[in-house]
């Protein structure tokens, strides 16, 4: 079973990003899944696509949440991706 690719898109001076980062860390650490953070600052295509929705959570390239991370939904998504 492949490991899910979890990416949190963030930007500078974003209080929701701080909260989202903590939520993603709680869920992924509990499940033993790595995640990455990608800043949209300096990337015009990401800024155009996601500017009004940051933070955005992508799992395997699919947008799963924005603004606020639903930890229960993220847990379900990751457990399903891990085969459980």
C-alpha atoms as a PDB file:
ATOM      1  CA  UNK A   1       0.000   0.000   0.000  1.00  0.00           C
ATOM      2  CA  UNK A   2       1.548   3.351  -1.024  1.00  0.00           C
ATOM      3  CA  UNK A   3       2.173   6.026   1.580  1.00  0.00           C
ATOM      4  CA  UNK A   4      -0.198   8.977   1.104  1.00  0.00           C
ATOM      5  CA  UNK A   5       1.363  12.260  -0.030  1.00  0.00           C
ATOM      6  CA  UNK A   6       0.170  14.929   2.418  1.00  0.00           C
ATOM      7  CA  UNK A   7       0.933  18.550   1.508  1.00  0.00           C
ATOM      8  CA  UNK A   8      -0.183  21.654   3.377  1.00  0.00           C
ATOM      9  CA  UNK A   9      -0.137  24.819   1.272  1.00  0.00           C
ATOM     10  CA  UNK A  10       0.507  27.935   3.347  1.00  0.00           C
ATOM     11  CA  UNK A  11       1.552  31.575   3.033  1.00  0.00           C
ATOM     12  CA  UNK A  12       3.313  34.145   5.172  1.00  0.00           C
ATOM     13  CA  UNK A  13       1.477  35.944   7.979  1.00  0.00           C
ATOM     14  CA  UNK A  14      -1.395  33.455   8.048  1.00  0.00           C
ATOM     15  CA  UNK A  15      -2.887  32.659  11.458  1.00  0.00           C
ATOM     16  CA  UNK A  16      -5.061  29.902   9.962  1.00  0.00           C
ATOM     17  CA  UNK A  17      -1.882  28.298   8.594  1.00  0.00           C
ATOM     18  CA  UNK A  18      -0.480  28.027  12.108  1.00  0.00           C
ATOM     19  CA  UNK A  19      -3.620  26.233  13.289  1.00  0.00           C
ATOM     20  CA  UNK A  20      -3.689  24.004  10.204  1.00  0.00           C
ATOM     21  CA  UNK A  21      -0.025  23.066  10.648  1.00  0.00           C
ATOM     22  CA  UNK A  22      -0.710  21.922  14.220  1.00  0.00           C
ATOM     23  CA  UNK A  23      -3.784  19.907  13.170  1.00  0.00           C
ATOM     24  CA  UNK A  24      -1.940  18.137  10.347  1.00  0.00           C
ATOM     25  CA  UNK A  25       0.977  17.394  12.665  1.00  0.00           C
ATOM     26  CA  UNK A  26      -1.316  15.857  15.301  1.00  0.00           C
ATOM     27  CA  UNK A  27      -3.057  13.541  12.843  1.00  0.00           C
ATOM     28  CA  UNK A  28      -0.029  12.503  10.807  1.00  0.00           C
ATOM     29  CA  UNK A  29       2.177  11.868  13.836  1.00  0.00           C
ATOM     30  CA  UNK A  30      -0.503   9.650  15.353  1.00  0.00           C
ATOM     31  CA  UNK A  31      -0.667   7.602  12.128  1.00  0.00           C
ATOM     32  CA  UNK A  32       3.052   7.664  11.367  1.00  0.00           C
ATOM     33  CA  UNK A  33       2.626   9.518   8.083  1.00  0.00           C
ATOM     34  CA  UNK A  34       5.062  12.155   6.846  1.00  0.00           C
ATOM     35  CA  UNK A  35       3.817  15.451   5.462  1.00  0.00           C
ATOM     36  CA  UNK A  36       5.292  18.512   3.810  1.00  0.00           C
ATOM     37  CA  UNK A  37       4.499  22.193   3.829  1.00  0.00           C
ATOM     38  CA  UNK A  38       4.672  24.254   0.665  1.00  0.00           C
ATOM     39  CA  UNK A  39       4.494  28.042   0.721  1.00  0.00           C
ATOM     40  CA  UNK A  40       2.580  29.632  -2.147  1.00  0.00           C
ATOM     41  CA  UNK A  41       4.505  32.894  -1.727  1.00  0.00           C
ATOM     42  CA  UNK A  42       6.601  33.423  -4.827  1.00  0.00           C
ATOM     43  CA  UNK A  43       4.712  30.859  -6.936  1.00  0.00           C
ATOM     44  CA  UNK A  44       2.302  32.783  -9.171  1.00  0.00           C
ATOM     45  CA  UNK A  45       0.383  29.698 -10.333  1.00  0.00           C
ATOM     46  CA  UNK A  46      -0.268  28.510  -6.772  1.00  0.00           C
ATOM     47  CA  UNK A  47      -1.135  32.040  -5.651  1.00  0.00           C
ATOM     48  CA  UNK A  48      -3.661  32.394  -8.466  1.00  0.00           C
ATOM     49  CA  UNK A  49      -5.244  29.017  -7.806  1.00  0.00           C
ATOM     50  CA  UNK A  50      -5.353  28.999  -3.993  1.00  0.00           C
ATOM     51  CA  UNK A  51      -5.005  32.612  -2.806  1.00  0.00           C
ATOM     52  CA  UNK A  52      -8.482  32.838  -1.252  1.00  0.00           C
ATOM     53  CA  UNK A  53      -8.440  29.350   0.287  1.00  0.00           C
ATOM     54  CA  UNK A  54      -5.119  29.178   2.164  1.00  0.00           C
ATOM     55  CA  UNK A  55      -4.313  27.052   4.042  1.00  0.00           C
ATOM     56  CA  UNK A  56      -5.125  24.177   1.701  1.00  0.00           C
ATOM     57  CA  UNK A  57      -4.594  20.501   2.467  1.00  0.00           C
ATOM     58  CA  UNK A  58      -3.812  18.135  -0.400  1.00  0.00           C
ATOM     59  CA  UNK A  59      -3.721  14.362  -0.020  1.00  0.00           C
ATOM     60  CA  UNK A  60      -2.334  12.571  -3.060  1.00  0.00           C
ATOM     61  CA  UNK A  61      -2.868  15.743  -5.082  1.00  0.00           C
ATOM     62  CA  UNK A  62      -6.570  16.053  -4.183  1.00  0.00           C
ATOM     63  CA  UNK A  63      -7.742  19.094  -2.238  1.00  0.00           C
ATOM     64  CA  UNK A  64      -9.262  17.762   0.995  1.00  0.00           C
ATOM     65  CA  UNK A  65      -9.654  20.875   3.157  1.00  0.00           C
ATOM     66  CA  UNK A  66      -9.076  24.597   3.207  1.00  0.00           C
ATOM     67  CA  UNK A  67      -9.126  27.345   5.849  1.00  0.00           C
ATOM     68  CA  UNK A  68      -9.713  24.881   8.712  1.00  0.00           C
ATOM     69  CA  UNK A  69      -8.468  21.301   8.830  1.00  0.00           C
ATOM     70  CA  UNK A  70     -11.050  18.733   9.922  1.00  0.00           C
ATOM     71  CA  UNK A  71      -8.887  16.321  11.913  1.00  0.00           C
ATOM     72  CA  UNK A  72     -11.491  13.554  11.953  1.00  0.00           C
ATOM     73  CA  UNK A  73     -11.905  13.693   8.175  1.00  0.00           C
ATOM     74  CA  UNK A  74      -8.130  13.739   7.679  1.00  0.00           C
ATOM     75  CA  UNK A  75      -7.779  10.723   9.966  1.00  0.00           C
ATOM     76  CA  UNK A  76     -10.418   8.808   7.955  1.00  0.00           C
ATOM     77  CA  UNK A  77      -8.814   9.750   4.626  1.00  0.00           C
ATOM     78  CA  UNK A  78      -5.333   8.705   5.753  1.00  0.00           C
ATOM     79  CA  UNK A  79      -6.493   5.451   7.355  1.00  0.00           C
ATOM     80  CA  UNK A  80      -8.311   4.557   4.138  1.00  0.00           C
ATOM     81  CA  UNK A  81      -5.213   5.403   2.082  1.00  0.00           C
ATOM     82  CA  UNK A  82      -3.131   3.217   4.402  1.00  0.00           C
ATOM     83  CA  UNK A  83      -5.476   0.303   3.868  1.00  0.00           C
ATOM     84  CA  UNK A  84      -7.254   0.471   7.197  1.00  0.00           C
END
